[in-house]
PDB file of N, CA and C in Angstrom:
ATOM      1  N   MET A   1      61.917  67.958  85.031  1.00  0.00           N
ATOM      2  CA  MET A   1      61.053  68.027  86.180  1.00  0.00           C
ATOM      3  C   MET A   1      61.170  66.771  87.020  1.00  0.00           C
ATOM      4  N   ASP A   2      61.367  65.624  86.367  1.00  0.00           N
ATOM      5  CA  ASP A   2      61.520  64.383  87.120  1.00  0.00           C
ATOM      6  C   ASP A   2      62.679  64.480  88.104  1.00  0.00           C
ATOM      7  N   GLN A   3      63.799  65.021  87.629  1.00  0.00           N
ATOM      8  CA  GLN A   3      64.976  65.155  88.490  1.00  0.00           C
ATOM      9  C   GLN A   3      64.685  66.097  89.665  1.00  0.00           C
ATOM     10  N   PHE A   4      63.958  67.179  89.418  1.00  0.00           N
ATOM     11  CA  PHE A   4      63.623  68.131  90.469  1.00  0.00           C
ATOM     12  C   PHE A   4      62.849  67.429  91.586  1.00  0.00           C
ATOM     13  N   PHE A   5      61.803  66.694  91.234  1.00  0.00           N
ATOM     14  CA  PHE A   5      60.994  66.016  92.245  1.00  0.00           C
ATOM     15  C   PHE A   5      61.766  64.890  92.933  1.00  0.00           C
ATOM     16  N   GLU A   6      62.616  64.188  92.207  1.00  0.00           N
ATOM     17  CA  GLU A   6      63.439  63.142  92.829  1.00  0.00           C
ATOM     18  C   GLU A   6      64.340  63.743  93.908  1.00  0.00           C
ATOM     19  N   LEU A   7      64.962  64.873  93.598  1.00  0.00           N
ATOM     20  CA  LEU A   7      65.849  65.523  94.565  1.00  0.00           C
ATOM     21  C   LEU A   7      65.074  66.068  95.767  1.00  0.00           C
ATOM     22  N   ILE A   8      63.940  66.715  95.524  1.00  0.00           N
ATOM     23  CA  ILE A   8      63.112  67.226  96.628  1.00  0.00           C
ATOM     24  C   ILE A   8      62.714  66.078  97.546  1.00  0.00           C
ATOM     25  N   ASN A   9      62.228  64.985  96.960  1.00  0.00           N
ATOM     26  CA  ASN A   9      61.716  63.863  97.749  1.00  0.00           C
ATOM     27  C   ASN A   9      62.819  63.083  98.458  1.00  0.00           C
ATOM     28  N   ALA A  10      64.048  63.191  97.975  1.00  0.00           N
ATOM     29  CA  ALA A  10      65.174  62.529  98.619  1.00  0.00           C
ATOM     30  C   ALA A  10      65.796  63.413  99.708  1.00  0.00           C
ATOM     31  N   GLY A  11      65.226  64.608  99.897  1.00  0.00           N
ATOM     32  CA  GLY A  11      65.767  65.520 100.904  1.00  0.00           C
ATOM     33  C   GLY A  11      66.979  66.294 100.428  1.00  0.00           C
ATOM     34  N   GLN A  12      67.284  66.224  99.135  1.00  0.00           N
ATOM     35  CA  GLN A  12      68.433  66.929  98.562  1.00  0.00           C
ATOM     36  C   GLN A  12      67.965  68.259  97.968  1.00  0.00           C
ATOM     37  N   ARG A  13      67.408  69.083  98.810  1.00  0.00           N
ATOM     38  CA  ARG A  13      66.792  70.327  98.350  1.00  0.00           C
ATOM     39  C   ARG A  13      67.801  71.300  97.761  1.00  0.00           C
ATOM     40  N   ASP A  14      68.996  71.360  98.336  1.00  0.00           N
ATOM     41  CA  ASP A  14      70.024  72.257  97.781  1.00  0.00           C
ATOM     42  C   ASP A  14      70.323  71.897  96.329  1.00  0.00           C
ATOM     43  N   ASP A  15      70.399  70.604  96.041  1.00  0.00           N
ATOM     44  CA  ASP A  15      70.662  70.175  94.666  1.00  0.00           C
ATOM     45  C   ASP A  15      69.472  70.486  93.760  1.00  0.00           C
ATOM     46  N   ALA A  16      68.253  70.363  94.280  1.00  0.00           N
ATOM     47  CA  ALA A  16      67.063  70.686  93.494  1.00  0.00           C
ATOM     48  C   ALA A  16      67.058  72.167  93.108  1.00  0.00           C
ATOM     49  N   LEU A  17      67.549  73.023  94.008  1.00  0.00           N
ATOM     50  CA  LEU A  17      67.564  74.457  93.729  1.00  0.00           C
ATOM     51  C   LEU A  17      68.517  74.812  92.599  1.00  0.00           C
ATOM     52  N   LYS A  18      69.498  73.988  92.355  1.00  0.00           N
ATOM     53  CA  LYS A  18      70.438  74.235  91.260  1.00  0.00           C
ATOM     54  C   LYS A  18      69.762  74.110  89.896  1.00  0.00           C
ATOM     55  N   LEU A  19      68.556  73.523  89.874  1.00  0.00           N
ATOM     56  CA  LEU A  19      67.803  73.392  88.627  1.00  0.00           C
ATOM     57  C   LEU A  19      66.960  74.639  88.336  1.00  0.00           C
ATOM     58  N   MET A  20      67.038  75.638  89.220  1.00  0.00           N
ATOM     59  CA  MET A  20      66.277  76.874  89.050  1.00  0.00           C
ATOM     60  C   MET A  20      67.160  77.979  88.495  1.00  0.00           C
ATOM     61  N   ASP A  21      66.556  78.805  87.652  1.00  0.00           N
ATOM     62  CA  ASP A  21      67.216  80.002  87.156  1.00  0.00           C
ATOM     63  C   ASP A  21      67.360  80.998  88.313  1.00  0.00           C
ATOM     64  N   GLU A  22      68.375  81.817  88.293  1.00  0.00           N
ATOM     65  CA  GLU A  22      68.603  82.812  89.353  1.00  0.00           C
ATOM     66  C   GLU A  22      67.409  83.762  89.501  1.00  0.00           C
ATOM     67  N   ARG A  23      66.689  84.021  88.400  1.00  0.00           N
ATOM     68  CA  ARG A  23      65.575  84.976  88.421  1.00  0.00           C
ATOM     69  C   ARG A  23      64.210  84.287  88.503  1.00  0.00           C
ATOM     70  N   VAL A  24      64.174  83.055  88.978  1.00  0.00           N
ATOM     71  CA  VAL A  24      62.931  82.289  89.062  1.00  0.00           C
ATOM     72  C   VAL A  24      61.860  83.060  89.838  1.00  0.00           C
ATOM     73  N   GLU A  25      60.611  82.889  89.429  1.00  0.00           N
ATOM     74  CA  GLU A  25      59.484  83.470  90.158  1.00  0.00           C
ATOM     75  C   GLU A  25      58.514  82.363  90.519  1.00  0.00           C
ATOM     76  N   MET A  26      57.909  82.474  91.709  1.00  0.00           N
ATOM     77  CA  MET A  26      56.941  81.479  92.136  1.00  0.00           C
ATOM     78  C   MET A  26      55.731  82.187  92.725  1.00  0.00           C
ATOM     79  N   ARG A  27      54.562  81.764  92.261  1.00  0.00           N
ATOM     80  CA  ARG A  27      53.295  82.262  92.802  1.00  0.00           C
ATOM     81  C   ARG A  27      52.662  81.138  93.599  1.00  0.00           C
ATOM     82  N   VAL A  28      52.297  81.446  94.845  1.00  0.00           N
ATOM     83  CA  VAL A  28      51.653  80.475  95.722  1.00  0.00           C
ATOM     84  C   VAL A  28      50.281  81.036  96.080  1.00  0.00           C
ATOM     85  N   HIS A  29      49.237  80.293  95.737  1.00  0.00           N
ATOM     86  CA  HIS A  29      47.862  80.696  96.018  1.00  0.00           C
ATOM     87  C   HIS A  29      47.430  80.057  97.333  1.00  0.00           C
ATOM     88  N   VAL A  30      46.985  80.883  98.273  1.00  0.00           N
ATOM     89  CA  VAL A  30      46.477  80.400  99.558  1.00  0.00           C
ATOM     90  C   VAL A  30      45.162  81.129  99.811  1.00  0.00           C
ATOM     91  N   GLY A  31      44.064  80.381  99.766  1.00  0.00           N
ATOM     92  CA  GLY A  31      42.759  81.007  99.928  1.00  0.00           C
ATOM     93  C   GLY A  31      42.548  82.041  98.835  1.00  0.00           C
ATOM     94  N   GLU A  32      42.182  83.247  99.229  1.00  0.00           N
ATOM     95  CA  GLU A  32      41.945  84.340  98.276  1.00  0.00           C
ATOM     96  C   GLU A  32      43.222  85.134  97.977  1.00  0.00           C
ATOM     97  N   ASN A  33      44.313  84.765  98.613  1.00  0.00           N
ATOM     98  CA  ASN A  33      45.555  85.523  98.474  1.00  0.00           C
ATOM     99  C   ASN A  33      46.547  84.822  97.556  1.00  0.00           C
ATOM    100  N   VAL A  34      47.409  85.610  96.957  1.00  0.00           N
ATOM    101  CA  VAL A  34      48.495  85.101  96.132  1.00  0.00           C
ATOM    102  C   VAL A  34      49.775  85.766  96.610  1.00  0.00           C
ATOM    103  N   ARG A  35      50.787  84.955  96.821  1.00  0.00           N
ATOM    104  CA  ARG A  35      52.098  85.494  97.210  1.00  0.00           C
ATOM    105  C   ARG A  35      53.069  85.196  96.081  1.00  0.00           C
ATOM    106  N   THR A  36      53.813  86.195  95.669  1.00  0.00           N
ATOM    107  CA  THR A  36      54.812  86.030  94.617  1.00  0.00           C
ATOM    108  C   THR A  36      56.199  86.145  95.224  1.00  0.00           C
ATOM    109  N   LEU A  37      56.998  85.125  95.005  1.00  0.00           N
ATOM    110  CA  LEU A  37      58.392  85.122  95.449  1.00  0.00           C
ATOM    111  C   LEU A  37      59.267  85.301  94.218  1.00  0.00           C
ATOM    112  N   ARG A  38      60.330  86.069  94.357  1.00  0.00           N
ATOM    113  CA  ARG A  38      61.203  86.349  93.210  1.00  0.00           C
ATOM    114  C   ARG A  38      62.653  86.044  93.554  1.00  0.00           C
ATOM    115  N   GLY A  39      63.302  85.390  92.615  1.00  0.00           N
ATOM    116  CA  GLY A  39      64.716  85.080  92.764  1.00  0.00           C
ATOM    117  C   GLY A  39      64.928  83.749  93.466  1.00  0.00           C
ATOM    118  N   VAL A  40      66.037  83.115  93.134  1.00  0.00           N
ATOM    119  CA  VAL A  40      66.307  81.786  93.683  1.00  0.00           C
ATOM    120  C   VAL A  40      66.460  81.821  95.202  1.00  0.00           C
ATOM    121  N   GLU A  41      66.860  82.958  95.755  1.00  0.00           N
ATOM    122  CA  GLU A  41      66.997  83.045  97.210  1.00  0.00           C
ATOM    123  C   GLU A  41      65.632  82.943  97.897  1.00  0.00           C
ATOM    124  N   GLN A  42      64.628  83.680  97.412  1.00  0.00           N
ATOM    125  CA  GLN A  42      63.293  83.614  98.016  1.00  0.00           C
ATOM    126  C   GLN A  42      62.580  82.303  97.679  1.00  0.00           C
ATOM    127  N   VAL A  43      62.575  81.938  96.402  1.00  0.00           N
ATOM    128  CA  VAL A  43      61.891  80.703  95.995  1.00  0.00           C
ATOM    129  C   VAL A  43      62.577  79.498  96.621  1.00  0.00           C
ATOM    130  N   GLY A  44      63.883  79.461  96.544  1.00  0.00           N
ATOM    131  CA  GLY A  44      64.634  78.357  97.141  1.00  0.00           C
ATOM    132  C   GLY A  44      64.421  78.273  98.630  1.00  0.00           C
ATOM    133  N   GLY A  45      64.340  79.428  99.286  1.00  0.00           N
ATOM    134  CA  GLY A  45      64.097  79.457 100.723  1.00  0.00           C
ATOM    135  C   GLY A  45      62.771  78.816 101.091  1.00  0.00           C
ATOM    136  N   TRP A  46      61.766  78.990 100.244  1.00  0.00           N
ATOM    137  CA  TRP A  46      60.453  78.372 100.483  1.00  0.00           C
ATOM    138  C   TRP A  46      60.601  76.856 100.534  1.00  0.00           C
ATOM    139  N   PHE A  47      61.376  76.297  99.614  1.00  0.00           N
ATOM    140  CA  PHE A  47      61.590  74.847  99.587  1.00  0.00           C
ATOM    141  C   PHE A  47      62.496  74.403 100.736  1.00  0.00           C
ATOM    142  N   LEU A  48      63.508  75.193 101.067  1.00  0.00           N
ATOM    143  CA  LEU A  48      64.431  74.823 102.134  1.00  0.00           C
ATOM    144  C   LEU A  48      63.757  74.857 103.508  1.00  0.00           C
ATOM    145  N   ARG A  49      62.806  75.764 103.701  1.00  0.00           N
ATOM    146  CA  ARG A  49      62.118  75.878 104.995  1.00  0.00           C
ATOM    147  C   ARG A  49      60.960  74.896 105.153  1.00  0.00           C
ATOM    148  N   ALA A  50      60.588  74.223 104.084  1.00  0.00           N
ATOM    149  CA  ALA A  50      59.464  73.280 104.158  1.00  0.00           C
ATOM    150  C   ALA A  50      59.773  72.176 105.163  1.00  0.00           C
ATOM    151  N   ASP A  51      58.723  71.577 105.703  1.00  0.00           N
ATOM    152  CA  ASP A  51      58.872  70.520 106.707  1.00  0.00           C
ATOM    153  C   ASP A  51      59.804  69.411 106.229  1.00  0.00           C
ATOM    154  N   LYS A  52      60.619  68.915 107.159  1.00  0.00           N
ATOM    155  CA  LYS A  52      61.423  67.733 106.831  1.00  0.00           C
ATOM    156  C   LYS A  52      60.454  66.592 106.574  1.00  0.00           C
ATOM    157  N   GLY A  53      60.740  65.807 105.590  1.00  0.00           N
ATOM    158  CA  GLY A  53      59.853  64.706 105.243  1.00  0.00           C
ATOM    159  C   GLY A  53      58.795  65.094 104.230  1.00  0.00           C
ATOM    160  N   MET A  54      58.776  66.357 103.794  1.00  0.00           N
ATOM    161  CA  MET A  54      57.824  66.774 102.769  1.00  0.00           C
ATOM    162  C   MET A  54      58.108  66.011 101.478  1.00  0.00           C
ATOM    163  N   ARG A  55      57.051  65.567 100.836  1.00  0.00           N
ATOM    164  CA  ARG A  55      57.175  64.881  99.551  1.00  0.00           C
ATOM    165  C   ARG A  55      56.246  65.556  98.555  1.00  0.00           C
ATOM    166  N   MET A  56      56.710  65.645  97.326  1.00  0.00           N
ATOM    167  CA  MET A  56      55.898  66.197  96.239  1.00  0.00           C
ATOM    168  C   MET A  56      55.793  65.109  95.175  1.00  0.00           C
ATOM    169  N   ILE A  57      54.571  64.579  94.998  1.00  0.00           N
ATOM    170  CA  ILE A  57      54.352  63.460  94.082  1.00  0.00           C
ATOM    171  C   ILE A  57      53.618  63.975  92.845  1.00  0.00           C
ATOM    172  N   PRO A  58      54.308  64.006  91.685  1.00  0.00           N
ATOM    173  CA  PRO A  58      53.665  64.498  90.462  1.00  0.00           C
ATOM    174  C   PRO A  58      52.845  63.397  89.778  1.00  0.00           C
ATOM    175  N   ALA A  59      51.773  63.813  89.109  1.00  0.00           N
ATOM    176  CA  ALA A  59      50.950  62.901  88.320  1.00  0.00           C
ATOM    177  C   ALA A  59      50.378  63.671  87.133  1.00  0.00           C
ATOM    178  N   ASN A  60      49.986  62.940  86.124  1.00  0.00           N
ATOM    179  CA  ASN A  60      49.320  63.530  84.955  1.00  0.00           C
ATOM    180  C   ASN A  60      50.058  64.744  84.400  1.00  0.00           C
ATOM    181  N   GLU A  61      51.327  64.579  84.117  1.00  0.00           N
ATOM    182  CA  GLU A  61      52.127  65.673  83.586  1.00  0.00           C
ATOM    183  C   GLU A  61      51.708  65.974  82.150  1.00  0.00           C
ATOM    184  N   ARG A  62      51.446  67.262  81.873  1.00  0.00           N
ATOM    185  CA  ARG A  62      51.067  67.700  80.542  1.00  0.00           C
ATOM    186  C   ARG A  62      52.055  68.761  80.078  1.00  0.00           C
ATOM    187  N   ASP A  63      52.757  68.451  79.022  1.00  0.00           N
ATOM    188  CA  ASP A  63      53.741  69.379  78.465  1.00  0.00           C
ATOM    189  C   ASP A  63      53.067  70.170  77.357  1.00  0.00           C
ATOM    190  N   SER A  64      52.911  71.469  77.569  1.00  0.00           N
ATOM    191  CA  SER A  64      52.250  72.312  76.568  1.00  0.00           C
ATOM    192  C   SER A  64      53.245  73.302  75.966  1.00  0.00           C
ATOM    193  N   GLY A  65      54.402  72.825  75.623  1.00  0.00           N
ATOM    194  CA  GLY A  65      55.428  73.699  75.065  1.00  0.00           C
ATOM    195  C   GLY A  65      56.344  74.212  76.148  1.00  0.00           C
ATOM    196  N   ALA A  66      56.262  75.505  76.422  1.00  0.00           N
ATOM    197  CA  ALA A  66      57.133  76.102  77.433  1.00  0.00           C
ATOM    198  C   ALA A  66      56.676  75.765  78.851  1.00  0.00           C
ATOM    199  N   ASN A  67      55.387  75.438  79.020  1.00  0.00           N
ATOM    200  CA  ASN A  67      54.863  75.142  80.355  1.00  0.00           C
ATOM    201  C   ASN A  67      54.627  73.650  80.536  1.00  0.00           C
ATOM    202  N   ILE A  68      54.831  73.207  81.764  1.00  0.00           N
ATOM    203  CA  ILE A  68      54.529  71.833  82.143  1.00  0.00           C
ATOM    204  C   ILE A  68      53.500  71.919  83.254  1.00  0.00           C
ATOM    205  N   GLU A  69      52.328  71.347  83.009  1.00  0.00           N
ATOM    206  CA  GLU A  69      51.254  71.354  84.002  1.00  0.00           C
ATOM    207  C   GLU A  69      51.231  69.998  84.689  1.00  0.00           C
ATOM    208  N   ILE A  70      51.117  70.017  86.018  1.00  0.00           N
ATOM    209  CA  ILE A  70      51.223  68.793  86.813  1.00  0.00           C
ATOM    210  C   ILE A  70      50.150  68.784  87.893  1.00  0.00           C
ATOM    211  N   ASP A  71      49.492  67.639  88.065  1.00  0.00           N
ATOM    212  CA  ASP A  71      48.667  67.410  89.243  1.00  0.00           C
ATOM    213  C   ASP A  71      49.651  66.988  90.334  1.00  0.00           C
ATOM    214  N   LEU A  72      49.760  67.758  91.368  1.00  0.00           N
ATOM    215  CA  LEU A  72      50.801  67.549  92.366  1.00  0.00           C
ATOM    216  C   LEU A  72      50.182  67.251  93.731  1.00  0.00           C
ATOM    217  N   MET A  73      50.614  66.153  94.345  1.00  0.00           N
ATOM    218  CA  MET A  73      50.191  65.849  95.702  1.00  0.00           C
ATOM    219  C   MET A  73      51.368  66.168  96.619  1.00  0.00           C
ATOM    220  N   VAL A  74      51.097  66.992  97.632  1.00  0.00           N
ATOM    221  CA  VAL A  74      52.120  67.370  98.597  1.00  0.00           C
ATOM    222  C   VAL A  74      51.786  66.681  99.908  1.00  0.00           C
ATOM    223  N   MET A  75      52.748  65.931 100.419  1.00  0.00           N
ATOM    224  CA  MET A  75      52.570  65.223 101.685  1.00  0.00           C
ATOM    225  C   MET A  75      53.598  65.752 102.672  1.00  0.00           C
ATOM    226  N   ARG A  76      53.100  66.075 103.893  1.00  0.00           N
ATOM    227  CA  ARG A  76      53.970  66.545 104.968  1.00  0.00           C
ATOM    228  C   ARG A  76      53.620  65.757 106.210  1.00  0.00           C
ATOM    229  N   PRO A  77      54.613  65.425 107.018  1.00  0.00           N
ATOM    230  CA  PRO A  77      54.348  64.658 108.244  1.00  0.00           C
ATOM    231  C   PRO A  77      53.344  65.375 109.149  1.00  0.00           C
ATOM    232  N   GLY A  78      52.350  64.621 109.615  1.00  0.00           N
ATOM    233  CA  GLY A  78      51.401  65.148 110.566  1.00  0.00           C
ATOM    234  C   GLY A  78      50.325  66.054 109.994  1.00  0.00           C
ATOM    235  N   VAL A  79      50.281  66.209 108.677  1.00  0.00           N
ATOM    236  CA  VAL A  79      49.320  67.101 108.036  1.00  0.00           C
ATOM    237  C   VAL A  79      48.640  66.332 106.906  1.00  0.00           C
ATOM    238  N   GLN A  80      47.351  66.598 106.696  1.00  0.00           N
ATOM    239  CA  GLN A  80      46.640  65.944 105.612  1.00  0.00           C
ATOM    240  C   GLN A  80      47.280  66.324 104.273  1.00  0.00           C
ATOM    241  N   SER A  81      47.397  65.355 103.372  1.00  0.00           N
ATOM    242  CA  SER A  81      47.988  65.639 102.070  1.00  0.00           C
ATOM    243  C   SER A  81      47.138  66.663 101.324  1.00  0.00           C
ATOM    244  N   GLN A  82      47.789  67.372 100.406  1.00  0.00           N
ATOM    245  CA  GLN A  82      47.132  68.444  99.674  1.00  0.00           C
ATOM    246  C   GLN A  82      47.373  68.250  98.186  1.00  0.00           C
ATOM    247  N   HIS A  83      46.319  68.404  97.395  1.00  0.00           N
ATOM    248  CA  HIS A  83      46.441  68.317  95.941  1.00  0.00           C
ATOM    249  C   HIS A  83      46.530  69.728  95.375  1.00  0.00           C
ATOM    250  N   LEU A  84      47.508  69.939  94.515  1.00  0.00           N
ATOM    251  CA  LEU A  84      47.732  71.243  93.902  1.00  0.00           C
ATOM    252  C   LEU A  84      47.733  71.126  92.392  1.00  0.00           C
ATOM    253  N   ASP A  85      47.313  72.194  91.731  1.00  0.00           N
ATOM    254  CA  ASP A  85      47.550  72.351  90.304  1.00  0.00           C
ATOM    255  C   ASP A  85      48.857  73.120  90.210  1.00  0.00           C
ATOM    256  N   ALA A  86      49.835  72.540  89.585  1.00  0.00           N
ATOM    257  CA  ALA A  86      51.150  73.169  89.493  1.00  0.00           C
ATOM    258  C   ALA A  86      51.511  73.394  88.029  1.00  0.00           C
ATOM    259  N   THR A  87      52.070  74.553  87.763  1.00  0.00           N
ATOM    260  CA  THR A  87      52.580  74.858  86.435  1.00  0.00           C
ATOM    261  C   THR A  87      54.033  75.288  86.593  1.00  0.00           C
ATOM    262  N   PHE A  88      54.887  74.670  85.802  1.00  0.00           N
ATOM    263  CA  PHE A  88      56.311  74.994  85.793  1.00  0.00           C
ATOM    264  C   PHE A  88      56.674  75.472  84.393  1.00  0.00           C
ATOM    265  N   ARG A  89      57.457  76.535  84.325  1.00  0.00           N
ATOM    266  CA  ARG A  89      57.998  76.985  83.036  1.00  0.00           C
ATOM    267  C   ARG A  89      59.490  76.685  83.067  1.00  0.00           C
ATOM    268  N   VAL A  90      59.942  75.972  82.062  1.00  0.00           N
ATOM    269  CA  VAL A  90      61.354  75.603  81.962  1.00  0.00           C
ATOM    270  C   VAL A  90      61.914  76.200  80.679  1.00  0.00           C
ATOM    271  N   GLU A  91      63.028  76.897  80.805  1.00  0.00           N
ATOM    272  CA  GLU A  91      63.716  77.483  79.652  1.00  0.00           C
ATOM    273  C   GLU A  91      65.193  77.147  79.744  1.00  0.00           C
ATOM    274  N   VAL A  92      65.723  76.621  78.685  1.00  0.00           N
ATOM    275  CA  VAL A  92      67.136  76.258  78.586  1.00  0.00           C
ATOM    276  C   VAL A  92      67.545  75.380  79.772  1.00  0.00           C
ATOM    277  N   GLY A  93      66.691  74.424  80.132  1.00  0.00           N
ATOM    278  CA  GLY A  93      67.014  73.467  81.173  1.00  0.00           C
ATOM    279  C   GLY A  93      66.906  73.978  82.601  1.00  0.00           C
ATOM    280  N   LYS A  94      66.408  75.192  82.798  1.00  0.00           N
ATOM    281  CA  LYS A  94      66.269  75.762  84.136  1.00  0.00           C
ATOM    282  C   LYS A  94      64.806  76.127  84.390  1.00  0.00           C
ATOM    283  N   ILE A  95      64.363  75.947  85.625  1.00  0.00           N
ATOM    284  CA  ILE A  95      63.022  76.338  86.025  1.00  0.00           C
ATOM    285  C   ILE A  95      63.014  77.862  86.192  1.00  0.00           C
ATOM    286  N   VAL A  96      62.148  78.544  85.445  1.00  0.00           N
ATOM    287  CA  VAL A  96      62.098  80.009  85.529  1.00  0.00           C
ATOM    288  C   VAL A  96      60.823  80.513  86.190  1.00  0.00           C
ATOM    289  N   ALA A  97      59.788  79.659  86.280  1.00  0.00           N
ATOM    290  CA  ALA A  97      58.547  80.081  86.927  1.00  0.00           C
ATOM    291  C   ALA A  97      57.804  78.865  87.462  1.00  0.00           C
ATOM    292  N   ILE A  98      57.175  79.065  88.627  1.00  0.00           N
ATOM    293  CA  ILE A  98      56.373  78.026  89.282  1.00  0.00           C
ATOM    294  C   ILE A  98      55.079  78.683  89.743  1.00  0.00           C
ATOM    295  N   ASN A  99      53.964  78.015  89.511  1.00  0.00           N
ATOM    296  CA  ASN A  99      52.670  78.481  90.003  1.00  0.00           C
ATOM    297  C   ASN A  99      52.016  77.310  90.732  1.00  0.00           C
ATOM    298  N   LEU A 100      51.710  77.495  92.006  1.00  0.00           N
ATOM    299  CA  LEU A 100      51.076  76.454  92.817  1.00  0.00           C
ATOM    300  C   LEU A 100      49.724  76.953  93.297  1.00  0.00           C
ATOM    301  N   ALA A 101      48.653  76.217  92.936  1.00  0.00           N
ATOM    302  CA  ALA A 101      47.303  76.606  93.327  1.00  0.00           C
ATOM    303  C   ALA A 101      46.544  75.380  93.825  1.00  0.00           C
ATOM    304  N   PRO A 102      45.729  75.550  94.867  1.00  0.00           N
ATOM    305  CA  PRO A 102      44.934  74.426  95.357  1.00  0.00           C
ATOM    306  C   PRO A 102      43.931  73.975  94.292  1.00  0.00           C
ATOM    307  N   ARG A 103      43.617  72.691  94.323  1.00  0.00           N
ATOM    308  CA  ARG A 103      42.623  72.158  93.371  1.00  0.00           C
ATOM    309  C   ARG A 103      41.243  72.440  93.845  1.00  0.00           C
TER     310      ARG A 103
END
């Protein structure tokens, strides 16, 4: 996960996507709605379309076996930073699931 965030924050998003499994799924919670993206093309596209200068700063990482829970601060130029509860599932060195929810 450290490498993933280093690549995202360095603007090397294409390289960060290589750490995802082809069948990765991501759930993004916005208000009362949840959007599920499936496959590296959709999930990767979410990261590729994000604002230039976006940073994801992880803190308080908790490894609970297959899942890694992270307090995540997302910073984007011109927008107030946002704190998220993030859960990543990693299997065989690849990210297979991401869940992002507001705190």
